[in-house]
Protein backbone atom coordinates (compact mmCIF):
# COMPACT_ATOMS: atom_id res chain seq x y z
CA MET A 1 0.00 0.00 0.00
CA SER A 2 1.36 3.44 -0.95
CA LEU A 3 2.39 5.91 1.69
CA THR A 4 0.23 8.98 2.30
CA SER A 5 0.99 12.31 3.94
CA ALA A 6 -0.47 10.92 7.18
CA ASP A 7 2.45 8.44 7.31
CA LEU A 8 5.14 11.14 7.19
CA SER A 9 7.21 12.17 10.20
CA ILE A 10 8.28 15.81 10.05
CA LEU A 11 10.78 17.85 12.03
CA LEU A 12 9.99 21.57 11.91
CA VAL A 13 12.85 23.97 12.74
CA GLU A 14 11.59 27.52 13.31
CA PRO A 15 12.88 30.08 15.86
CA SER A 16 9.64 32.08 15.88
CA THR A 17 7.00 30.54 18.16
CA MET A 18 4.23 32.22 16.17
CA GLN A 19 5.57 30.93 12.83
CA LEU A 20 6.10 27.47 14.33
CA LYS A 21 2.45 27.24 15.36
CA LEU A 22 1.25 28.63 12.02
CA ILE A 23 3.25 26.13 9.93
CA MET A 24 2.21 23.27 12.21
CA ARG A 25 -1.42 24.21 11.63
CA HIS A 26 -0.90 24.11 7.85
CA LEU A 27 0.77 20.71 8.12
CA GLN A 28 -2.08 19.36 10.24
CA GLN A 29 -4.57 20.66 7.67
CA ALA A 30 -2.58 18.69 5.08
CA GLY A 31 -3.29 15.52 7.08
CA ILE A 32 0.05 15.27 8.91
CA SER A 33 0.00 14.65 12.65
CA ASN A 34 3.51 13.31 13.36
CA ILE A 35 5.25 16.70 13.71
CA GLU A 36 8.04 17.64 16.10
CA GLY A 37 8.84 21.34 16.44
CA VAL A 38 12.15 22.83 17.65
CA SER A 39 13.51 26.37 17.67
CA SER A 40 17.23 25.86 17.03
CA ALA A 41 19.66 23.93 14.83
CA GLU A 42 21.29 22.22 17.82
CA ALA A 43 17.91 20.96 19.03
CA ALA A 44 17.12 19.79 15.50
CA LEU A 45 20.39 17.84 15.19
CA ALA A 46 19.82 16.25 18.59
CA GLN A 47 16.30 15.23 17.58
CA MET A 48 17.52 13.80 14.26
CA ALA A 49 20.09 11.67 16.10
CA ILE A 50 17.34 10.04 18.16
CA TYR A 51 14.43 9.91 15.72
CA PRO A 52 15.42 10.65 12.10
CA PRO A 53 12.39 12.22 10.38
CA ASP A 54 11.24 11.68 6.81
CA LEU A 55 11.27 15.43 6.16
CA VAL A 56 12.97 18.41 7.81
CA ILE A 57 11.28 21.77 7.24
CA THR A 58 13.51 24.65 8.28
CA ALA A 59 13.67 28.43 8.34
CA MET A 60 16.60 30.10 6.58
CA TYR A 61 18.18 31.79 9.59
CA LEU A 62 18.56 29.87 12.84
CA PRO A 63 20.20 31.07 16.10
CA GLU A 64 23.46 29.14 15.57
CA MET A 65 23.72 28.69 11.80
CA SER A 66 22.02 28.99 8.44
CA ALA A 67 19.70 26.42 6.92
CA ALA A 68 22.42 25.40 4.45
CA GLU A 69 24.81 24.70 7.33
CA LEU A 70 22.11 22.74 9.18
CA ILE A 71 21.47 20.57 6.11
CA ALA A 72 25.20 19.91 5.66
CA LYS A 73 25.64 18.95 9.33
CA ALA A 74 22.52 16.78 9.29
CA ARG A 75 23.65 14.88 6.22
CA THR A 76 27.07 14.29 7.78
CA GLN A 77 25.56 13.21 11.09
CA GLN A 78 22.91 10.99 9.50
CA ALA A 79 24.87 9.67 6.54
CA ASP A 80 22.90 6.42 6.58
CA GLN A 81 19.50 8.13 6.66
CA GLU A 82 17.63 9.36 3.58
CA MET A 83 16.08 12.54 4.96
CA ALA A 84 14.45 15.13 2.74
CA PHE A 85 14.67 18.88 3.39
CA MET A 86 12.41 21.84 2.66
CA LEU A 87 12.98 25.57 3.25
CA ILE A 88 10.32 28.08 4.27
CA SER A 89 11.69 31.62 4.19
CA SER A 90 10.96 35.20 3.22
CA GLU A 91 14.50 35.41 1.77
CA THR A 92 14.51 36.20 -1.96
CA GLY A 93 18.19 36.98 -2.61
CA HIS A 94 19.80 34.75 -5.23
CA ASP A 95 23.14 34.55 -3.39
CA ALA A 96 21.43 33.58 -0.13
CA LEU A 97 19.23 30.92 -1.73
CA GLU A 98 21.89 29.43 -4.02
CA PRO A 99 23.49 27.17 -1.32
CA ILE A 100 20.02 25.88 -0.42
CA ARG A 101 19.16 25.07 -4.03
CA GLN A 102 22.49 23.33 -4.50
CA ALA A 103 21.91 21.32 -1.31
CA GLY A 104 19.10 19.44 -3.03
CA VAL A 105 16.09 20.59 -1.04
CA MET A 106 12.68 19.27 -2.08
CA ALA A 107 11.18 22.75 -2.22
CA ILE A 108 11.69 26.39 -1.26
CA LEU A 109 8.46 27.99 -0.05
CA PRO A 110 8.03 31.72 0.63
CA LYS A 111 6.61 33.29 3.77
CA PRO A 112 3.67 33.50 3.71
CA PHE A 113 3.31 30.37 1.60
CA ASN A 114 0.43 29.04 -0.42
CA HIS A 115 -1.21 25.91 1.02
CA ASP A 116 -1.23 24.33 -2.46
CA ASP A 117 2.55 24.83 -2.67
CA LEU A 118 2.95 23.01 0.64
CA GLN A 119 0.79 20.13 -0.58
CA ARG A 120 2.89 19.86 -3.75
CA ALA A 121 6.11 19.79 -1.72
CA ILE A 122 4.69 17.06 0.53
CA ARG A 123 3.79 15.00 -2.55
CA ALA A 124 7.34 15.47 -3.85
CA THR A 125 8.67 14.08 -0.57
CA LEU A 126 6.39 11.07 -0.84
CA ASP A 127 7.59 10.51 -4.42
CA VAL A 128 11.13 10.03 -3.10
CA ILE A 129 10.26 8.02 0.03
CA ASP A 130 7.75 5.74 -1.69
CA PRO A 131 8.55 6.05 -5.40
CA GLU A 132 6.94 4.57 -8.46
CA GLU A 133 9.43 2.99 -10.85
CA LEU A 134 9.66 4.40 -14.35
CA ASP A 135 7.83 2.29 -16.89
CA LEU A 136 9.44 3.12 -20.23
CA GLN A 137 8.48 1.58 -23.54
CA SER A 138 11.89 2.09 -25.16
CA TYR A 139 14.17 1.11 -22.26
CA ASP A 140 14.55 -1.36 -19.43
CA VAL A 141 14.99 1.14 -16.59
CA SER A 142 17.51 -1.07 -14.78
CA GLU A 143 19.69 -1.03 -17.92
CA LEU A 144 19.71 2.75 -18.36
CA LYS A 145 23.18 4.29 -18.01
CA VAL A 146 23.09 7.84 -16.66
CA LEU A 147 25.83 10.42 -16.17
CA ILE A 148 25.25 13.18 -13.58
CA VAL A 149 27.53 16.23 -13.83
CA ASP A 150 27.46 18.81 -11.01
CA ASP A 151 30.15 20.54 -8.98
CA SER A 152 27.99 20.31 -5.83
CA TYR A 153 28.42 17.02 -3.95
CA THR A 154 25.02 17.35 -2.27
CA SER A 155 23.34 18.16 -5.57
CA ARG A 156 24.90 15.10 -7.24
CA ASN A 157 23.70 12.94 -4.36
CA HIS A 158 20.21 14.42 -4.48
CA ILE A 159 19.79 13.85 -8.21
CA SER A 160 21.24 10.34 -7.87
CA ARG A 161 18.77 9.62 -5.09
CA VAL A 162 15.79 10.86 -7.09
CA LEU A 163 16.78 8.85 -10.18
CA GLY A 164 17.59 5.82 -8.03
CA SER A 165 14.12 5.99 -6.49
CA MET A 166 12.71 5.53 -10.00
CA GLY A 167 14.64 2.31 -10.58
CA ILE A 168 17.71 3.75 -12.32
CA VAL A 169 20.75 2.00 -10.82
CA GLN A 170 23.58 2.53 -13.31
CA ILE A 171 24.64 6.07 -12.41
CA ASP A 172 28.07 7.66 -12.80
CA THR A 173 28.90 11.14 -11.52
CA ALA A 174 31.38 13.88 -12.46
CA GLU A 175 32.27 17.14 -10.69
CA ASN A 176 32.55 19.21 -13.88
CA GLY A 177 32.53 19.07 -17.65
CA ARG A 178 36.18 18.00 -17.87
CA GLN A 179 35.57 14.91 -15.77
CA ALA A 180 32.42 14.21 -17.79
CA VAL A 181 34.42 14.33 -21.03
CA GLU A 182 36.78 11.67 -19.65
CA LEU A 183 33.85 9.42 -18.73
CA LEU A 184 32.21 9.94 -22.11
CA ALA A 185 35.46 8.92 -23.79
CA ALA A 186 35.52 5.70 -21.76
CA GLY A 187 31.92 4.62 -22.40
CA SER A 188 28.46 5.51 -23.66
CA TYR A 189 25.41 6.76 -21.75
CA ASP A 190 21.68 6.77 -22.40
CA LEU A 191 21.11 10.05 -20.54
CA MET A 192 23.11 12.92 -19.08
CA VAL A 193 21.91 15.30 -16.35
CA THR A 194 24.15 18.33 -15.93
CA ASP A 195 24.42 21.57 -14.00
CA LEU A 196 25.11 24.80 -15.91
CA ASN A 197 27.52 26.79 -13.73
CA MET A 198 30.61 24.66 -13.05
CA PRO A 199 34.40 25.22 -12.98
CA GLU A 200 36.80 23.82 -15.59
CA MET A 201 34.06 23.32 -18.20
CA ASP A 202 30.50 24.52 -17.65
CA GLY A 203 27.27 22.88 -18.73
CA GLN A 204 26.88 24.80 -21.97
CA GLU A 205 30.43 23.92 -23.05
CA LEU A 206 29.75 20.29 -22.16
CA VAL A 207 26.57 20.23 -24.24
CA GLU A 208 28.42 21.79 -27.17
CA TYR A 209 31.19 19.20 -26.82
CA VAL A 210 28.68 16.32 -26.90
CA ARG A 211 26.64 17.69 -29.80
CA THR A 212 29.50 19.11 -31.93
CA ASP A 213 32.85 17.55 -31.02
CA ILE A 214 31.54 14.03 -30.42
CA GLY A 215 28.69 14.47 -32.86
CA ASP A 216 26.16 12.78 -30.55
CA VAL A 217 22.81 14.39 -31.35
CA VAL A 218 20.79 11.47 -29.94
CA MET A 219 21.63 11.21 -26.22
CA PRO A 220 19.11 13.23 -24.17
CA ILE A 221 20.75 15.93 -22.04
CA LEU A 222 18.79 17.42 -19.13
CA MET A 223 20.07 20.56 -17.44
CA ALA A 224 19.20 21.21 -13.77
CA THR A 225 20.18 24.74 -12.84
CA THR A 226 19.47 27.77 -10.66
CA GLU A 227 20.35 30.11 -13.55
CA ASN A 228 17.65 32.71 -14.26
CA ASN A 229 19.38 34.72 -17.00
CA GLU A 230 17.10 34.22 -20.00
CA ALA A 231 19.78 35.14 -22.54
CA ARG A 232 22.17 32.56 -21.14
CA LEU A 233 19.45 29.89 -20.99
CA ASN A 234 18.61 30.62 -24.62
CA HIS A 235 22.26 29.99 -25.55
CA VAL A 236 22.09 26.67 -23.68
CA GLN A 237 18.97 25.65 -25.59
CA GLN A 238 20.64 26.56 -28.88
CA ALA A 239 23.63 24.41 -27.90
CA GLY A 240 21.36 21.38 -28.02
CA VAL A 241 20.15 20.66 -24.50
CA SER A 242 17.03 18.45 -24.49
CA ALA A 243 15.31 20.14 -21.54
CA ILE A 244 16.03 22.60 -18.73
CA MET A 245 14.62 22.30 -15.20
CA ASP A 246 14.96 24.57 -12.20
CA LYS A 247 16.61 23.65 -8.90
CA PRO A 248 14.97 22.58 -6.72
CA PHE A 249 12.90 20.27 -8.90
CA GLU A 250 10.05 17.96 -8.00
CA PRO A 251 10.52 14.23 -8.67
CA GLN A 252 7.29 14.22 -10.69
CA SER A 253 8.68 16.93 -12.95
CA ILE A 254 11.80 14.95 -13.78
CA ARG A 255 9.71 11.79 -14.16
CA GLU A 256 7.53 13.49 -16.79
CA MET A 257 10.63 14.93 -18.46
CA LEU A 258 12.25 11.48 -18.64
CA TYR A 259 9.14 10.01 -20.27
CA ARG A 260 9.27 12.82 -22.84
CA VAL A 261 12.97 12.60 -23.75
CA LEU A 262 13.40 8.82 -23.48
CA ASP A 263 10.11 7.59 -24.93
CA SER A 264 9.69 10.21 -27.65
């Protein structure tokens, strides 16, 4: 039987008592009753060590550290646990949000947030915890070979986890375009998922290398990025990328994208 939102355990990290109660009320309205609320990062880490939750929902700024630092510490502390993370914050600055996006959060919700957005983020969490395997007509999912290229370790892990939850098991990773080129020279792949902004060789240069230098116009290339410069994204599309998705992305979005690029 599939999991529902009522089965989720959630740890809510929010310094403001008023905001803590408000978000808890929204979660309860979404059918979630197993919620633990704490006001600091240290309390959150202590709680995770005892009872690892399915989902951690955190504010951006905590008394001892930022949300990005909390996520990094939590993943180090609970390396054997597959916890998902979500941010709720009034922060809109690109530089402030970039580490959170790269950390592989399930969603970033504004304050005040829309209840529908919360429901969608909860469904995305369920998609990872209790996934449905891809059912492709053109491929045996277990035989798909995928290359993930991203200079963020946490982002690589997050994308690997999402794809793995769909039944994709043959996954190689590279930290930048240069490493990806070496892997492409050593073997072939059915799909590549790449970041845009990377050192050594960025995502656009990598796409151009695959499409022009190698001459591979068949392999689907998905780009997951936080880039919002329309002119730059247009250049990426012209280079031959198959599809572009924003970070953070919902598992259902990448699932639909995979059906489109692999079964077209």
